Amino acid sequence: MKKAYWLFLISVLALSLALSGCSSSKKSNSSAKGGDVMIYGKGGDAVSLDPAIVTDGESFIVTQQIFETLVKYGKDNTNIEPGLAEKWDISPDALTYTFHLREGIKFQDGTDFNADAVVKNFQRWAQSKDPAKFAYYPSMFGGFEGDKGHVIKEVKAVDAKTVQFTLNRPQAPFLKNLAMSPFAIASPTAFAKADFGKHPVGTGPFKFVSWKPGDTIEVTKNDKYWQKGLPKLGGVKFKVIKDNSARLNSLVKGELDLMDGLNPSDMSKVKSNSKLQLFERPSMNVGYIGFNNQKAPFDKKEVRQAISHLINKEDIIKNFYEGTAEPAKNPMPPSVAGYDDDIQDYDYNVEKAKELLKKAGYEKGFKMDLWAMPVPRPYMPNGQKVAEAIQASLKQVNIDAKIVTFEWATYLEKLQAGEAPVFMMGWTGDNGDADNFLYTLLDKDTIGSNNYARYSNNDVHKLLLEAQSTADEAKRSELYKKAQEIIHEDAPWVPLVHSKPQLAGSSTIKGFVPHPTGTQSFIDTSMK
């Protein structure tokens, strides 16, 4: 009997160890709260988890899981749908917006979501007076409280579930602006604390768990989320793997479930692997080379035009995008209303570039720094390689370009401060409106926030403000086309490409629909 008893105990122990070994595998990422934990690979770390102060997609892909906005975009488009507000009314003069909020919602720290919370969020942004910190607010709403061009006159709580916005002037894309990630509603209790960017609290489907800088950010299912049955995942772990190829290798080995920043040249590897699937994000972006229009010699239009003639966009697309991009000639993509297709791009013409440099007094060339993006982005899969191609082109006219780069957060901070002479950058549209490209990126009001080129043209400014305040979409389109004509002549940028960003994931991923804005909640995503 003793021998049989010990054999029984040994069998039980062996079975326990076997089960323990199974639960330690990657696919053990099954949450007690229901659903698997999805591991998402990305090329760079978040700058902050306070959505109001960041401008980069590496941050927004995380904050989108934690926070929600008053109104939101459709699952695969920028049509406006109810969010934290279940409905709204607009006055005939388009100066008063009244939002009726959903009841019974709490922030993840237990604070009540109500009209007062909405008011406190807008006061936080509007009264900050700090474009270096709250870059999006002045870009979208014409400055801060008290500024001449400020769109929002007042935000007040009518009662606990009703909040009213009064505007100084009509703003055609007002609802689309409110749906943007930076204007997510945060817990007033949480943002009153100094470390809010490291301990974010919203109303969203996932709650923040931890952040190991440069490595991982973890969020878990909010089991008190107001939409019953959602999210379907038990959590998401965001893993930083800087190199695109290394990230794909991790996916192939089963260490990741989903990844962005796929090298276009690696698409065939994904297609030929039955355990993987390919996702394509709809194109609503622009990758560009920007000039600091306030720094010599780039304060001269002829120098900017000369470099525009030196960039062989077709070769760049062929060598680095594998056909997943088209040449850009305007600062906004063709998918956005108001795009001017009649504009003729600067052709690749070395002799014309030499003529323009001679006219500007730089016939013998000059030395310059070219800032290259340190992380893969949808519009720039490999910033270093593209920078090297541009460097070689510039040598044809004796422009000696030294390639410079920095860690991502530092890169953005220095761009905002106007330190870069020539830089590579890009933009994925936040709301599908021309205003979000032209005004946000190239209006004189947004110097110090998203206008990294520090470009200023009074005629462009007047056209963009008129377009903002006009309800007639046909008239708005004409105003935007006139603005693009002036911008094209001034050449504050070299628009490079409009890309179709590629993502790859495990065949187990279900319900993931890449959004044209570049960020989306994983609320409907699951893994089978």
Protein backbone atom coordinates (compact mmCIF):
# COMPACT_ATOMS: atom_id res chain seq x y z
CA MET A 1 0.00 0.00 0.00
CA LYS A 2 2.80 2.39 0.88
CA LYS A 3 4.46 1.86 -2.48
CA ALA A 4 1.18 2.46 -4.32
CA TYR A 5 0.54 5.60 -2.25
CA TRP A 6 3.95 7.08 -3.08
CA LEU A 7 3.54 6.23 -6.74
CA PHE A 8 0.21 8.07 -6.64
CA LEU A 9 1.83 11.15 -5.04
CA ILE A 10 4.65 11.15 -7.60
CA SER A 11 2.09 10.97 -10.44
CA VAL A 12 0.13 13.91 -9.01
CA LEU A 13 3.33 15.95 -8.62
CA ALA A 14 4.42 15.19 -12.19
CA LEU A 15 1.01 16.23 -13.53
CA SER A 16 1.13 19.45 -11.51
CA LEU A 17 4.58 20.32 -12.88
CA ALA A 18 3.41 19.61 -16.44
CA LEU A 19 0.41 21.89 -16.03
CA SER A 20 2.62 24.55 -14.46
CA GLY A 21 4.94 24.39 -17.47
CA CYS A 22 1.99 24.89 -19.83
CA SER A 23 0.75 27.94 -17.92
CA SER A 24 4.14 29.64 -18.18
CA SER A 25 4.10 29.67 -21.99
CA LYS A 26 3.29 32.82 -23.92
CA LYS A 27 -0.23 31.68 -24.66
CA SER A 28 -0.90 31.58 -20.94
CA ASN A 29 -1.59 35.29 -21.29
CA SER A 30 -5.17 34.46 -20.39
CA SER A 31 -6.62 36.91 -17.92
CA ALA A 32 -8.70 35.94 -14.90
CA LYS A 33 -10.96 38.82 -15.92
CA GLY A 34 -11.74 37.13 -19.22
CA GLY A 35 -9.93 37.10 -22.54
CA ASP A 36 -6.30 36.82 -23.55
CA VAL A 37 -3.63 39.46 -23.06
CA MET A 38 -2.56 40.66 -26.51
CA ILE A 39 1.10 41.62 -26.96
CA TYR A 40 1.50 44.55 -29.37
CA GLY A 41 4.95 45.31 -30.80
CA LYS A 42 5.87 48.89 -31.69
CA GLY A 43 9.02 50.76 -32.68
CA GLY A 44 9.22 53.39 -29.96
CA ASP A 45 8.17 54.11 -26.42
CA ALA A 46 5.41 56.52 -25.42
CA VAL A 47 6.48 60.06 -24.57
CA SER A 48 3.77 60.37 -21.91
CA LEU A 49 0.42 58.76 -21.12
CA ASP A 50 -1.29 62.11 -20.66
CA PRO A 51 -3.06 62.40 -24.05
CA ALA A 52 -3.40 66.18 -23.75
CA ILE A 53 0.33 66.85 -23.87
CA VAL A 54 1.58 64.42 -26.53
CA THR A 55 1.55 64.60 -30.32
CA ASP A 56 2.94 61.19 -31.30
CA GLY A 57 1.31 57.95 -32.32
CA GLU A 58 3.53 55.87 -30.02
CA SER A 59 1.78 57.53 -27.08
CA PHE A 60 -1.74 57.68 -28.54
CA ILE A 61 -1.90 53.96 -29.34
CA VAL A 62 -1.70 53.41 -25.56
CA THR A 63 -3.85 56.32 -24.33
CA GLN A 64 -6.62 55.31 -26.75
CA GLN A 65 -7.16 52.18 -24.65
CA ILE A 66 -7.48 54.10 -21.35
CA PHE A 67 -9.41 57.24 -22.31
CA GLU A 68 -12.54 58.23 -24.22
CA THR A 69 -13.85 61.41 -25.86
CA LEU A 70 -17.25 63.15 -25.88
CA VAL A 71 -17.78 62.08 -29.49
CA LYS A 72 -15.81 59.50 -31.46
CA TYR A 73 -15.03 58.38 -35.00
CA GLY A 74 -16.53 55.40 -36.78
CA LYS A 75 -14.71 52.08 -36.62
CA ASP A 76 -13.00 52.56 -40.00
CA ASN A 77 -13.70 56.23 -40.85
CA THR A 78 -13.85 59.75 -39.40
CA ASN A 79 -17.65 60.05 -39.29
CA ILE A 80 -18.79 61.38 -35.90
CA GLU A 81 -20.63 59.04 -33.53
CA PRO A 82 -21.77 59.34 -29.88
CA GLY A 83 -19.08 58.73 -27.27
CA LEU A 84 -19.28 59.83 -23.65
CA ALA A 85 -22.00 62.17 -24.91
CA GLU A 86 -25.01 60.20 -26.13
CA LYS A 87 -26.41 63.11 -28.17
CA TRP A 88 -25.91 66.83 -28.82
CA ASP A 89 -27.68 69.92 -30.16
CA ILE A 90 -26.19 72.69 -32.33
CA SER A 91 -27.69 76.18 -32.44
CA PRO A 92 -28.69 77.62 -35.87
CA ASP A 93 -25.75 80.07 -35.76
CA ALA A 94 -23.33 77.18 -34.98
CA LEU A 95 -22.04 79.01 -31.92
CA THR A 96 -23.59 76.83 -29.20
CA TYR A 97 -23.10 73.08 -28.79
CA THR A 98 -25.03 71.34 -26.02
CA PHE A 99 -23.90 67.82 -25.12
CA HIS A 100 -26.07 65.36 -23.19
CA LEU A 101 -23.79 63.00 -21.29
CA ARG A 102 -24.25 59.33 -20.54
CA GLU A 103 -25.17 58.65 -16.92
CA GLY A 104 -23.72 56.18 -14.46
CA ILE A 105 -20.14 56.25 -15.81
CA LYS A 106 -17.19 56.45 -13.45
CA PHE A 107 -13.51 57.05 -14.07
CA GLN A 108 -11.24 54.12 -13.30
CA ASP A 109 -10.30 55.68 -9.92
CA GLY A 110 -13.98 55.87 -8.85
CA THR A 111 -14.42 59.60 -9.62
CA ASP A 112 -17.81 60.40 -11.19
CA PHE A 113 -17.91 61.27 -14.88
CA ASN A 114 -20.21 64.29 -15.24
CA ALA A 115 -20.45 67.78 -16.70
CA ASP A 116 -18.14 69.24 -14.05
CA ALA A 117 -15.42 66.76 -15.03
CA VAL A 118 -15.74 67.82 -18.69
CA VAL A 119 -15.50 71.51 -17.74
CA LYS A 120 -12.40 70.91 -15.61
CA ASN A 121 -10.67 69.12 -18.48
CA PHE A 122 -11.27 72.02 -20.86
CA GLN A 123 -10.23 74.56 -18.26
CA ARG A 124 -7.00 72.63 -17.78
CA TRP A 125 -6.19 72.89 -21.49
CA ALA A 126 -7.55 76.35 -22.29
CA GLN A 127 -6.03 78.12 -19.29
CA SER A 128 -2.58 76.52 -19.46
CA LYS A 129 -1.03 79.12 -21.84
CA ASP A 130 1.73 76.61 -22.60
CA PRO A 131 1.90 75.56 -26.29
CA ALA A 132 5.05 73.54 -25.63
CA LYS A 133 3.08 71.37 -23.18
CA PHE A 134 -0.45 71.39 -24.62
CA ALA A 135 0.51 71.49 -28.30
CA TYR A 136 -2.79 70.25 -29.75
CA TYR A 137 -5.18 72.60 -27.99
CA PRO A 138 -3.97 75.87 -29.59
CA SER A 139 -3.54 74.07 -32.92
CA MET A 140 -7.16 72.92 -32.98
CA PHE A 141 -8.87 75.82 -31.19
CA GLY A 142 -6.95 78.91 -32.30
CA GLY A 143 -4.94 79.57 -29.17
CA PHE A 144 -5.66 79.59 -25.46
CA GLU A 145 -8.30 81.35 -23.34
CA GLY A 146 -8.02 85.09 -23.84
CA ASP A 147 -6.08 84.86 -27.12
CA LYS A 148 -7.52 86.80 -30.04
CA GLY A 149 -8.18 83.78 -32.24
CA HIS A 150 -9.47 81.43 -29.52
CA VAL A 151 -12.50 79.50 -30.79
CA ILE A 152 -14.06 78.50 -27.46
CA LYS A 153 -15.63 81.34 -25.49
CA GLU A 154 -17.03 79.30 -22.59
CA VAL A 155 -17.59 75.72 -21.40
CA LYS A 156 -20.18 75.38 -18.62
CA ALA A 157 -22.09 72.67 -16.80
CA VAL A 158 -25.82 73.27 -17.26
CA ASP A 159 -26.51 70.38 -14.89
CA ALA A 160 -24.73 67.14 -13.95
CA LYS A 161 -25.38 65.49 -17.31
CA THR A 162 -25.42 68.51 -19.64
CA VAL A 163 -22.41 70.55 -20.78
CA GLN A 164 -22.60 73.55 -23.09
CA PHE A 165 -19.88 75.00 -25.33
CA THR A 166 -20.22 78.60 -26.55
CA LEU A 167 -17.91 79.59 -29.40
CA ASN A 168 -16.47 82.98 -30.33
CA ARG A 169 -16.80 82.09 -34.00
CA PRO A 170 -18.13 79.08 -35.91
CA GLN A 171 -15.64 76.28 -36.47
CA ALA A 172 -16.65 73.82 -39.19
CA PRO A 173 -14.57 70.88 -37.87
CA PHE A 174 -15.47 71.48 -34.20
CA LEU A 175 -17.06 68.05 -33.59
CA LYS A 176 -14.26 66.29 -35.46
CA ASN A 177 -11.73 68.12 -33.29
CA LEU A 178 -13.47 67.03 -30.10
CA ALA A 179 -13.19 63.39 -31.18
CA MET A 180 -9.39 63.57 -31.37
CA SER A 181 -7.24 61.62 -28.92
CA PRO A 182 -5.75 64.72 -27.17
CA PHE A 183 -9.23 65.79 -26.05
CA ALA A 184 -10.03 62.61 -24.18
CA ILE A 185 -11.71 63.24 -20.83
CA ALA A 186 -9.50 62.40 -17.85
CA SER A 187 -10.27 62.04 -14.17
CA PRO A 188 -9.93 65.50 -12.54
CA THR A 189 -8.82 63.75 -9.35
CA ALA A 190 -5.98 62.06 -11.24
CA PHE A 191 -4.73 64.95 -13.40
CA ALA A 192 -4.47 67.17 -10.32
CA LYS A 193 -1.50 64.99 -9.35
CA ALA A 194 1.99 65.75 -10.66
CA ASP A 195 2.65 62.26 -12.05
CA PHE A 196 -0.54 61.95 -14.14
CA GLY A 197 1.45 61.23 -17.33
CA LYS A 198 2.79 58.08 -15.65
CA HIS A 199 -0.46 57.10 -13.90
CA PRO A 200 -3.28 57.85 -16.38
CA VAL A 201 -6.95 57.50 -15.43
CA GLY A 202 -9.83 57.63 -17.90
CA THR A 203 -13.20 55.98 -18.51
CA GLY A 204 -11.96 53.58 -21.20
CA PRO A 205 -12.14 49.81 -21.64
CA PHE A 206 -8.65 49.22 -20.22
CA LYS A 207 -6.92 50.43 -17.03
CA PHE A 208 -3.28 51.32 -16.70
CA VAL A 209 -1.14 48.76 -14.84
CA SER A 210 2.56 49.54 -15.32
CA TRP A 211 5.20 51.21 -17.47
CA LYS A 212 8.78 50.02 -17.76
CA PRO A 213 10.37 52.85 -19.82
CA GLY A 214 11.88 51.73 -23.09
CA ASP A 215 10.41 48.26 -22.70
CA THR A 216 6.75 47.62 -21.89
CA ILE A 217 3.47 49.30 -20.96
CA GLU A 218 0.65 47.13 -19.63
CA VAL A 219 -3.09 47.79 -19.43
CA THR A 220 -5.74 45.42 -18.11
CA LYS A 221 -9.46 44.98 -18.69
CA ASN A 222 -11.64 47.54 -16.93
CA ASP A 223 -14.22 45.17 -15.42
CA LYS A 224 -16.40 48.14 -14.45
CA TYR A 225 -16.49 49.49 -18.00
CA TRP A 226 -19.83 51.06 -18.93
CA GLN A 227 -20.30 49.07 -22.17
CA LYS A 228 -21.34 45.58 -21.11
CA GLY A 229 -19.42 42.66 -22.61
CA LEU A 230 -16.47 44.82 -23.62
CA PRO A 231 -13.55 44.76 -24.02
CA LYS A 232 -13.04 41.23 -25.31
CA LEU A 233 -9.36 41.06 -24.38
CA GLY A 234 -8.17 40.62 -20.82
CA GLY A 235 -5.45 43.20 -21.41
CA VAL A 236 -2.80 44.55 -23.75
CA LYS A 237 0.96 44.60 -23.30
CA PHE A 238 2.80 47.12 -25.49
CA LYS A 239 6.33 45.93 -26.21
CA VAL A 240 9.04 48.22 -27.64
CA ILE A 241 11.25 46.58 -30.27
CA LYS A 242 12.98 49.34 -32.21
CA ASP A 243 14.12 47.41 -35.28
CA ASN A 244 11.37 46.50 -37.75
CA SER A 245 12.92 43.18 -38.75
CA ALA A 246 13.55 42.17 -35.14
CA ARG A 247 9.91 42.97 -34.39
CA LEU A 248 8.76 40.70 -37.21
CA ASN A 249 11.04 37.92 -35.97
CA SER A 250 9.38 38.18 -32.55
CA LEU A 251 5.98 37.89 -34.21
CA VAL A 252 7.07 34.83 -36.19
CA LYS A 253 8.35 33.18 -32.98
CA GLY A 254 5.02 33.82 -31.23
CA GLU A 255 6.39 36.42 -28.81
CA LEU A 256 4.05 39.08 -30.24
CA ASP A 257 0.45 38.92 -31.42
CA LEU A 258 0.29 42.13 -33.45
CA MET A 259 2.89 44.64 -34.68
CA ASP A 260 3.07 47.91 -36.55
CA GLY A 261 5.92 49.32 -38.64
CA LEU A 262 6.26 46.32 -40.94
CA ASN A 263 8.99 46.83 -43.54
CA PRO A 264 7.25 46.85 -46.94
CA SER A 265 10.00 44.48 -48.13
CA ASP A 266 8.84 41.94 -45.52
CA MET A 267 5.24 41.76 -46.71
CA SER A 268 5.91 38.55 -48.66
CA LYS A 269 7.19 36.82 -45.50
CA VAL A 270 3.89 37.53 -43.79
CA LYS A 271 1.77 36.49 -46.76
CA SER A 272 3.59 33.16 -47.09
CA ASN A 273 3.19 32.27 -43.40
CA SER A 274 -0.15 30.58 -42.67
CA LYS A 275 0.15 31.53 -38.99
CA LEU A 276 0.24 35.25 -39.80
CA GLN A 277 -1.99 37.81 -41.47
CA LEU A 278 -1.37 41.20 -43.07
CA PHE A 279 -3.29 44.40 -42.26
CA GLU A 280 -3.21 47.62 -44.31
CA ARG A 281 -4.12 50.92 -42.72
CA PRO A 282 -6.04 53.29 -45.05
CA SER A 283 -3.81 56.14 -46.20
CA MET A 284 -4.49 59.47 -44.53
CA ASN A 285 -0.98 60.73 -43.93
CA VAL A 286 1.99 62.62 -45.31
CA GLY A 287 5.72 62.08 -44.81
CA TYR A 288 7.81 65.18 -45.46
CA ILE A 289 11.13 66.99 -45.24
CA GLY A 290 10.65 70.24 -43.35
CA PHE A 291 12.78 73.39 -43.48
CA ASN A 292 13.10 75.78 -40.58
CA ASN A 293 11.87 78.83 -42.47
CA GLN A 294 13.45 81.13 -39.86
CA LYS A 295 17.02 79.73 -40.18
CA ALA A 296 19.47 80.71 -42.94
CA PRO A 297 19.80 79.63 -45.69
CA PHE A 298 16.34 78.05 -45.50
CA ASP A 299 14.73 81.43 -44.93
CA LYS A 300 15.18 81.91 -48.69
CA LYS A 301 12.43 80.47 -50.86
CA GLU A 302 14.86 79.69 -53.68
CA VAL A 303 16.92 77.38 -51.44
CA ARG A 304 13.80 75.49 -50.37
CA GLN A 305 12.64 75.20 -53.98
CA ALA A 306 16.10 74.02 -55.07
CA ILE A 307 16.09 71.16 -52.58
CA SER A 308 12.53 70.34 -53.68
CA HIS A 309 13.95 69.72 -57.17
CA LEU A 310 16.65 67.40 -55.76
CA ILE A 311 14.38 64.80 -54.15
CA ASN A 312 13.65 61.80 -56.36
CA LYS A 313 10.40 60.66 -54.79
CA GLU A 314 9.85 57.78 -57.22
CA ASP A 315 13.22 56.26 -56.32
CA ILE A 316 12.53 56.65 -52.59
CA ILE A 317 9.18 54.89 -52.96
CA LYS A 318 10.69 52.12 -55.08
CA ASN A 319 13.59 51.49 -52.70
CA PHE A 320 11.96 51.92 -49.29
CA TYR A 321 8.18 51.52 -49.67
CA GLU A 322 7.84 48.57 -52.08
CA GLY A 323 4.89 50.23 -53.81
CA THR A 324 2.98 50.92 -50.56
CA ALA A 325 3.11 54.72 -51.06
CA GLU A 326 2.45 57.37 -53.67
CA PRO A 327 4.41 60.60 -54.27
CA ALA A 328 3.14 63.63 -52.35
CA LYS A 329 2.92 67.10 -53.84
CA ASN A 330 0.70 68.77 -51.23
CA PRO A 331 0.82 68.85 -47.41
CA MET A 332 -2.41 66.81 -47.27
CA PRO A 333 -3.41 63.50 -48.91
CA PRO A 334 -5.83 63.12 -51.83
CA SER A 335 -8.32 61.33 -49.56
CA VAL A 336 -9.10 64.60 -47.73
CA ALA A 337 -11.71 67.01 -49.14
CA GLY A 338 -10.14 70.20 -50.49
CA TYR A 339 -7.07 68.51 -51.99
CA ASP A 340 -5.74 70.45 -55.02
CA ASP A 341 -4.83 67.96 -57.73
CA ASP A 342 -4.11 70.74 -60.26
CA ILE A 343 -0.83 71.64 -58.55
CA GLN A 344 2.26 70.54 -60.51
CA ASP A 345 4.93 68.97 -58.31
CA TYR A 346 8.57 70.09 -58.32
CA ASP A 347 10.14 67.65 -60.77
CA TYR A 348 13.47 65.93 -60.10
CA ASN A 349 15.77 68.38 -61.89
CA VAL A 350 19.38 68.89 -60.79
CA GLU A 351 20.07 71.71 -63.26
CA LYS A 352 17.02 73.65 -62.10
CA ALA A 353 18.21 73.21 -58.51
CA LYS A 354 21.60 74.66 -59.44
CA GLU A 355 19.94 77.69 -61.05
CA LEU A 356 17.86 78.39 -57.94
CA LEU A 357 20.86 78.03 -55.62
CA LYS A 358 22.85 80.46 -57.79
CA LYS A 359 19.96 82.95 -57.63
CA ALA A 360 19.94 82.63 -53.83
CA GLY A 361 23.71 83.18 -53.61
CA TYR A 362 24.64 79.58 -52.80
CA GLU A 363 26.13 78.48 -56.11
CA LYS A 364 29.03 76.74 -54.31
CA GLY A 365 26.70 74.89 -51.95
CA PHE A 366 26.78 74.80 -48.14
CA LYS A 367 26.89 72.52 -45.13
CA MET A 368 23.77 71.58 -43.18
CA ASP A 369 22.37 69.12 -40.65
CA LEU A 370 19.61 66.77 -41.77
CA TRP A 371 17.60 65.39 -38.85
CA ALA A 372 16.48 61.78 -39.41
CA MET A 373 13.57 60.17 -37.58
CA PRO A 374 14.78 57.65 -34.95
CA VAL A 375 11.67 55.44 -34.98
CA PRO A 376 9.67 53.78 -37.77
CA ARG A 377 6.40 55.58 -38.38
CA PRO A 378 3.56 54.76 -40.82
CA TYR A 379 4.73 57.44 -43.27
CA MET A 380 8.46 56.69 -42.75
CA PRO A 381 9.31 52.98 -42.31
CA ASN A 382 13.07 53.63 -42.20
CA GLY A 383 14.07 57.23 -41.54
CA GLN A 384 17.82 56.57 -41.56
CA LYS A 385 17.79 54.93 -45.01
CA VAL A 386 15.63 57.67 -46.53
CA ALA A 387 17.94 60.29 -44.99
CA GLU A 388 20.95 58.61 -46.61
CA ALA A 389 19.24 58.72 -50.02
CA ILE A 390 18.49 62.43 -49.57
CA GLN A 391 22.06 63.04 -48.41
CA ALA A 392 23.38 61.51 -51.65
CA SER A 393 21.03 63.67 -53.78
CA LEU A 394 22.14 66.88 -52.09
CA LYS A 395 25.80 66.13 -52.81
CA GLN A 396 25.08 66.67 -56.52
CA VAL A 397 24.94 70.43 -55.88
CA ASN A 398 27.65 70.54 -53.20
CA ILE A 399 25.26 70.56 -50.26
CA ASP A 400 27.03 68.59 -47.55
CA ALA A 401 24.34 67.13 -45.27
CA LYS A 402 25.30 65.63 -41.93
CA ILE A 403 22.66 63.17 -40.67
CA VAL A 404 21.65 63.84 -37.06
CA THR A 405 19.16 62.06 -34.81
CA PHE A 406 18.01 61.87 -31.20
CA GLU A 407 15.86 59.67 -28.98
CA TRP A 408 12.21 60.08 -30.05
CA ALA A 409 10.92 62.26 -27.20
CA THR A 410 13.99 64.52 -27.46
CA TYR A 411 13.62 64.69 -31.25
CA LEU A 412 10.04 65.99 -30.92
CA GLU A 413 10.95 68.40 -28.13
CA LYS A 414 13.79 69.93 -30.14
CA LEU A 415 11.63 70.22 -33.27
CA GLN A 416 9.00 72.07 -31.29
CA ALA A 417 11.67 74.45 -29.96
CA GLY A 418 12.82 75.25 -33.50
CA GLU A 419 16.31 73.75 -33.18
CA ALA A 420 16.31 71.69 -36.40
CA PRO A 421 17.43 73.37 -39.66
CA VAL A 422 16.13 70.57 -41.94
CA PHE A 423 14.23 67.58 -40.60
CA MET A 424 12.22 64.52 -41.54
CA MET A 425 8.75 64.27 -40.11
CA GLY A 426 5.23 63.26 -40.97
CA TRP A 427 1.63 63.43 -39.92
CA THR A 428 -1.32 61.06 -39.82
CA GLY A 429 -4.60 62.95 -39.95
CA ASP A 430 -6.50 63.09 -36.68
CA ASN A 431 -9.97 63.81 -38.01
CA GLY A 432 -10.10 63.60 -41.81
CA ASP A 433 -10.41 67.37 -42.28
CA ALA A 434 -8.11 69.65 -44.32
CA ASP A 435 -7.91 71.99 -41.33
CA ASN A 436 -6.10 69.25 -39.41
CA PHE A 437 -3.30 69.29 -41.97
CA LEU A 438 -3.00 72.86 -43.23
CA TYR A 439 -3.90 74.89 -40.13
CA THR A 440 -2.41 72.44 -37.64
CA LEU A 441 0.92 72.04 -39.43
CA LEU A 442 1.47 75.24 -41.42
CA ASP A 443 -0.41 78.18 -39.89
CA LYS A 444 1.44 80.95 -38.08
CA ASP A 445 -0.80 80.35 -35.02
CA THR A 446 0.73 76.88 -34.56
CA ILE A 447 4.43 77.87 -34.51
CA GLY A 448 5.74 76.44 -31.26
CA SER A 449 3.33 73.51 -31.37
CA ASN A 450 2.90 71.42 -34.56
CA ASN A 451 4.25 73.92 -37.11
CA TYR A 452 7.82 72.62 -36.85
CA ALA A 453 8.79 74.45 -40.07
CA ARG A 454 7.94 77.75 -38.34
CA TYR A 455 6.28 78.82 -41.58
CA SER A 456 4.27 82.04 -41.54
CA ASN A 457 2.24 83.55 -44.38
CA ASN A 458 -0.51 86.08 -43.67
CA ASP A 459 -2.46 85.24 -46.84
CA VAL A 460 -2.49 81.54 -45.94
CA HIS A 461 -3.55 82.46 -42.40
CA LYS A 462 -6.57 84.46 -43.64
CA LEU A 463 -7.66 81.68 -45.98
CA LEU A 464 -7.41 79.01 -43.28
CA LEU A 465 -9.37 81.05 -40.72
CA GLU A 466 -12.08 81.76 -43.28
CA ALA A 467 -12.26 78.05 -44.14
CA GLN A 468 -12.60 77.17 -40.46
CA SER A 469 -15.54 79.53 -40.05
CA THR A 470 -17.40 78.52 -43.21
CA ALA A 471 -20.10 75.84 -43.11
CA ASP A 472 -20.33 75.48 -46.92
CA GLU A 473 -18.05 72.52 -47.74
CA ALA A 474 -17.67 73.49 -51.42
CA LYS A 475 -16.49 76.97 -50.41
CA ARG A 476 -14.16 75.50 -47.80
CA SER A 477 -12.58 73.29 -50.47
CA GLU A 478 -11.90 76.29 -52.70
CA LEU A 479 -10.26 78.17 -49.84
CA TYR A 480 -8.04 75.21 -49.04
CA LYS A 481 -7.01 74.91 -52.69
CA LYS A 482 -5.95 78.57 -52.75
CA ALA A 483 -3.93 78.02 -49.58
CA GLN A 484 -2.20 74.99 -51.14
CA GLU A 485 -1.18 77.07 -54.17
CA ILE A 486 0.57 79.62 -51.96
CA ILE A 487 2.17 76.92 -49.79
CA HIS A 488 3.45 75.11 -52.88
CA GLU A 489 5.14 78.28 -54.12
CA ASP A 490 6.66 79.03 -50.71
CA ALA A 491 7.89 75.40 -50.35
CA PRO A 492 8.16 75.30 -46.54
CA TRP A 493 8.33 71.50 -46.89
CA VAL A 494 9.17 68.87 -49.45
CA PRO A 495 6.09 66.62 -49.23
CA LEU A 496 7.50 63.13 -49.85
CA VAL A 497 4.87 60.41 -49.70
CA HIS A 498 1.40 59.35 -48.73
CA SER A 499 1.86 55.80 -47.46
CA LYS A 500 -0.33 52.77 -46.91
CA PRO A 501 1.03 51.55 -43.56
CA GLN A 502 1.45 47.81 -43.17
CA LEU A 503 0.82 45.84 -39.97
CA ALA A 504 1.17 42.14 -39.30
CA GLY A 505 -0.44 39.88 -36.75
CA SER A 506 -1.12 36.34 -35.70
CA SER A 507 -3.90 34.54 -37.55
CA THR A 508 -5.65 34.33 -34.15
CA ILE A 509 -6.36 38.09 -34.15
CA LYS A 510 -10.03 38.86 -34.78
CA GLY A 511 -11.95 42.12 -34.94
CA PHE A 512 -8.92 44.36 -35.49
CA VAL A 513 -9.68 47.11 -38.04
CA PRO A 514 -6.78 49.55 -38.66
CA HIS A 515 -8.15 53.08 -38.39
CA PRO A 516 -7.07 55.76 -40.89
CA THR A 517 -6.07 58.08 -38.02
CA GLY A 518 -3.36 55.61 -36.97
CA THR A 519 -4.73 54.94 -33.51
CA GLN A 520 -7.72 52.95 -32.33
CA SER A 521 -9.07 51.26 -29.28
CA PHE A 522 -8.68 47.49 -29.09
CA ILE A 523 -12.14 47.32 -27.53
CA ASP A 524 -13.48 44.91 -30.21
CA THR A 525 -10.28 42.96 -30.78
CA SER A 526 -10.05 39.35 -29.64
CA MET A 527 -7.76 36.35 -30.10
CA LYS A 528 -8.95 32.84 -30.94
